[in-house]
C-alpha atoms as a PDB file:
ATOM      1  CA  MET A   1     -95.125  86.381 -40.801  1.00  0.00           C
ATOM      2  CA  ASN A   2     -92.574  85.769 -42.751  1.00  0.00           C
ATOM      3  CA  ASN A   3     -89.531  88.245 -42.828  1.00  0.00           C
ATOM      4  CA  SER A   4     -87.683  86.261 -44.997  1.00  0.00           C
ATOM      5  CA  SER A   5     -87.131  87.544 -48.745  1.00  0.00           C
ATOM      6  CA  GLU A   6     -84.122  86.984 -51.991  1.00  0.00           C
ATOM      7  CA  ALA A   7     -81.376  87.783 -50.655  1.00  0.00           C
ATOM      8  CA  TYR A   8     -77.946  87.115 -52.273  1.00  0.00           C
ATOM      9  CA  ARG A   9     -75.381  85.012 -49.219  1.00  0.00           C
ATOM     10  CA  VAL A  10     -72.095  84.851 -49.441  1.00  0.00           C
ATOM     11  CA  THR A  11     -71.205  81.384 -47.495  1.00  0.00           C
ATOM     12  CA  ILE A  12     -67.170  81.383 -46.238  1.00  0.00           C
ATOM     13  CA  ARG A  13     -65.850  78.267 -44.869  1.00  0.00           C
ATOM     14  CA  GLN A  14     -62.360  77.458 -43.608  1.00  0.00           C
ATOM     15  CA  ASN A  15     -61.969  80.961 -44.270  1.00  0.00           C
ATOM     16  CA  LEU A  16     -62.548  81.355 -47.536  1.00  0.00           C
ATOM     17  CA  VAL A  17     -65.073  83.047 -49.589  1.00  0.00           C
ATOM     18  CA  VAL A  18     -66.399  79.452 -51.114  1.00  0.00           C
ATOM     19  CA  ARG A  19     -69.730  80.637 -52.981  1.00  0.00           C
ATOM     20  CA  ILE A  20     -71.919  83.469 -53.505  1.00  0.00           C
ATOM     21  CA  ALA A  21     -75.482  83.034 -55.345  1.00  0.00           C
ATOM     22  CA  LYS A  22     -79.040  83.884 -55.007  1.00  0.00           C
ATOM     23  CA  VAL A  23     -81.495  82.467 -52.286  1.00  0.00           C
ATOM     24  CA  ALA A  24     -84.699  82.751 -51.639  1.00  0.00           C
ATOM     25  CA  ASP A  25     -84.704  82.272 -48.135  1.00  0.00           C
ATOM     26  CA  GLY A  26     -82.424  85.155 -47.159  1.00  0.00           C
ATOM     27  CA  THR A  27     -82.653  87.676 -44.423  1.00  0.00           C
ATOM     28  CA  PRO A  28     -79.878  90.488 -45.489  1.00  0.00           C
ATOM     29  CA  GLY A  29     -79.797  93.001 -42.314  1.00  0.00           C
ATOM     30  CA  THR A  30     -80.136  96.603 -42.391  1.00  0.00           C
ATOM     31  CA  ASP A  31     -76.947  97.986 -43.566  1.00  0.00           C
ATOM     32  CA  ASN A  32     -73.809  96.329 -44.864  1.00  0.00           C
ATOM     33  CA  LEU A  33     -71.824  97.270 -41.386  1.00  0.00           C
ATOM     34  CA  SER A  34     -74.129  94.361 -39.993  1.00  0.00           C
ATOM     35  CA  ASN A  35     -72.925  91.507 -41.893  1.00  0.00           C
ATOM     36  CA  GLY A  36     -68.976  93.165 -40.978  1.00  0.00           C
ATOM     37  CA  THR A  37     -69.592  93.486 -37.659  1.00  0.00           C
ATOM     38  CA  ARG A  38     -70.690  89.730 -36.938  1.00  0.00           C
ATOM     39  CA  LEU A  39     -68.149  88.666 -39.287  1.00  0.00           C
ATOM     40  CA  ALA A  40     -65.533  90.340 -37.147  1.00  0.00           C
ATOM     41  CA  MET A  41     -67.463  88.532 -33.478  1.00  0.00           C
ATOM     42  CA  ASN A  42     -67.196  85.046 -35.806  1.00  0.00           C
ATOM     43  CA  HIS A  43     -63.243  85.487 -36.140  1.00  0.00           C
ATOM     44  CA  GLN A  44     -62.674  86.900 -32.644  1.00  0.00           C
ATOM     45  CA  ARG A  45     -65.262  84.074 -30.959  1.00  0.00           C
ATOM     46  CA  ASN A  46     -63.867  80.849 -33.484  1.00  0.00           C
ATOM     47  CA  GLY A  47     -61.187  82.098 -34.595  1.00  0.00           C
ATOM     48  CA  CYS A  48     -62.331  82.180 -38.495  1.00  0.00           C
ATOM     49  CA  ILE A  49     -64.738  83.907 -40.255  1.00  0.00           C
ATOM     50  CA  ASP A  50     -67.056  81.099 -41.214  1.00  0.00           C
ATOM     51  CA  GLY A  51     -70.646  81.774 -41.684  1.00  0.00           C
ATOM     52  CA  GLU A  52     -73.380  82.422 -44.404  1.00  0.00           C
ATOM     53  CA  TYR A  53     -74.670  86.108 -45.019  1.00  0.00           C
ATOM     54  CA  ASP A  54     -77.264  87.472 -46.750  1.00  0.00           C
ATOM     55  CA  PHE A  55     -77.166  91.444 -48.742  1.00  0.00           C
ATOM     56  CA  SER A  56     -79.895  92.414 -50.654  1.00  0.00           C
ATOM     57  CA  SER A  57     -78.052  92.941 -53.927  1.00  0.00           C
ATOM     58  CA  ILE A  58     -75.022  91.533 -55.815  1.00  0.00           C
ATOM     59  CA  HIS A  59     -72.378  94.294 -55.721  1.00  0.00           C
ATOM     60  CA  SER A  60     -72.948  94.189 -51.418  1.00  0.00           C
ATOM     61  CA  ALA A  61     -72.577  90.546 -51.755  1.00  0.00           C
ATOM     62  CA  LYS A  62     -69.216  90.837 -54.031  1.00  0.00           C
ATOM     63  CA  ASP A  63     -68.068  93.266 -51.922  1.00  0.00           C
ATOM     64  CA  PHE A  64     -68.341  91.903 -49.109  1.00  0.00           C
ATOM     65  CA  ALA A  65     -66.737  88.449 -50.564  1.00  0.00           C
ATOM     66  CA  VAL A  66     -63.879  90.226 -51.311  1.00  0.00           C
ATOM     67  CA  LEU A  67     -63.352  91.784 -48.259  1.00  0.00           C
ATOM     68  CA  SER A  68     -63.055  89.119 -46.529  1.00  0.00           C
ATOM     69  CA  LEU A  69     -60.459  87.786 -48.392  1.00  0.00           C
ATOM     70  CA  ASP A  70     -58.651  90.451 -48.357  1.00  0.00           C
ATOM     71  CA  PHE A  71     -59.009  89.977 -44.344  1.00  0.00           C
ATOM     72  CA  ILE A  72     -57.844  86.879 -43.928  1.00  0.00           C
ATOM     73  CA  LYS A  73     -54.669  87.442 -46.305  1.00  0.00           C
ATOM     74  CA  ARG A  74     -53.826  90.594 -44.218  1.00  0.00           C
ATOM     75  CA  LEU A  75     -53.967  87.558 -41.289  1.00  0.00           C
ATOM     76  CA  ALA A  76     -51.962  85.519 -43.137  1.00  0.00           C
ATOM     77  CA  SER A  77     -49.764  87.748 -43.994  1.00  0.00           C
ATOM     78  CA  GLN A  78     -49.008  89.022 -40.363  1.00  0.00           C
ATOM     79  CA  ASN A  79     -48.309  85.217 -39.654  1.00  0.00           C
ATOM     80  CA  LEU A  80     -45.592  84.421 -42.651  1.00  0.00           C
ATOM     81  CA  GLU A  81     -44.043  88.105 -40.985  1.00  0.00           C
ATOM     82  CA  ASP A  82     -44.050  86.674 -37.805  1.00  0.00           C
ATOM     83  CA  LEU A  83     -42.518  83.184 -38.613  1.00  0.00           C
ATOM     84  CA  GLN A  84     -39.691  84.233 -40.432  1.00  0.00           C
ATOM     85  CA  ALA A  85     -38.784  87.028 -37.843  1.00  0.00           C
ATOM     86  CA  HIS A  86     -39.373  84.609 -35.073  1.00  0.00           C
ATOM     87  CA  ASN A  87     -35.437  84.048 -33.473  1.00  0.00           C
ATOM     88  CA  PHE A  88     -35.365  79.702 -33.641  1.00  0.00           C
ATOM     89  CA  TYR A  89     -31.885  80.103 -31.845  1.00  0.00           C
ATOM     90  CA  ALA A  90     -33.234  81.464 -28.732  1.00  0.00           C
ATOM     91  CA  ASP A  91     -37.090  79.867 -28.259  1.00  0.00           C
ATOM     92  CA  PRO A  92     -36.956  76.665 -30.778  1.00  0.00           C
ATOM     93  CA  THR A  93     -40.798  76.762 -30.623  1.00  0.00           C
ATOM     94  CA  TRP A  94     -43.203  78.643 -32.806  1.00  0.00           C
ATOM     95  CA  GLU A  95     -46.971  78.608 -32.519  1.00  0.00           C
ATOM     96  CA  ASN A  96     -49.121  79.728 -35.023  1.00  0.00           C
ATOM     97  CA  LEU A  97     -50.977  83.288 -33.662  1.00  0.00           C
ATOM     98  CA  LEU A  98     -54.365  81.620 -35.958  1.00  0.00           C
ATOM     99  CA  ALA A  99     -54.757  78.583 -34.794  1.00  0.00           C
ATOM    100  CA  ALA A 100     -57.528  78.115 -32.827  1.00  0.00           C
ATOM    101  CA  GLY A 101     -56.958  78.852 -29.427  1.00  0.00           C
ATOM    102  CA  ARG A 102     -54.219  81.358 -29.880  1.00  0.00           C
ATOM    103  CA  HIS A 103     -56.132  84.320 -30.112  1.00  0.00           C
ATOM    104  CA  GLY A 104     -54.958  88.239 -28.844  1.00  0.00           C
ATOM    105  CA  GLY A 105     -51.586  88.064 -29.958  1.00  0.00           C
ATOM    106  CA  LYS A 106     -48.108  87.356 -28.354  1.00  0.00           C
ATOM    107  CA  SER A 107     -47.733  86.431 -25.333  1.00  0.00           C
END
């Protein structure tokens, strides 16, 4: 038995929404929360939100895409504030907290 059906897929690469399209082989979650949880887990595990996320409606897909980009925008804004506030006289090294392998904030 085939559990896949027509769905609307949000594709995210390099933390950017690159496509929203109707697909014939989609597997939408039972609710939008499942995709949000998956996105958060991808970010925690991989340092990025890349993936393919399926939805049963184009409106849910669009809303998710907007929220995904807003999530990255907020992370980048925090990162910019951290860079601007860094005291390079006291510590000449600054590391981008969004970079791979730098999870969990300052040490």
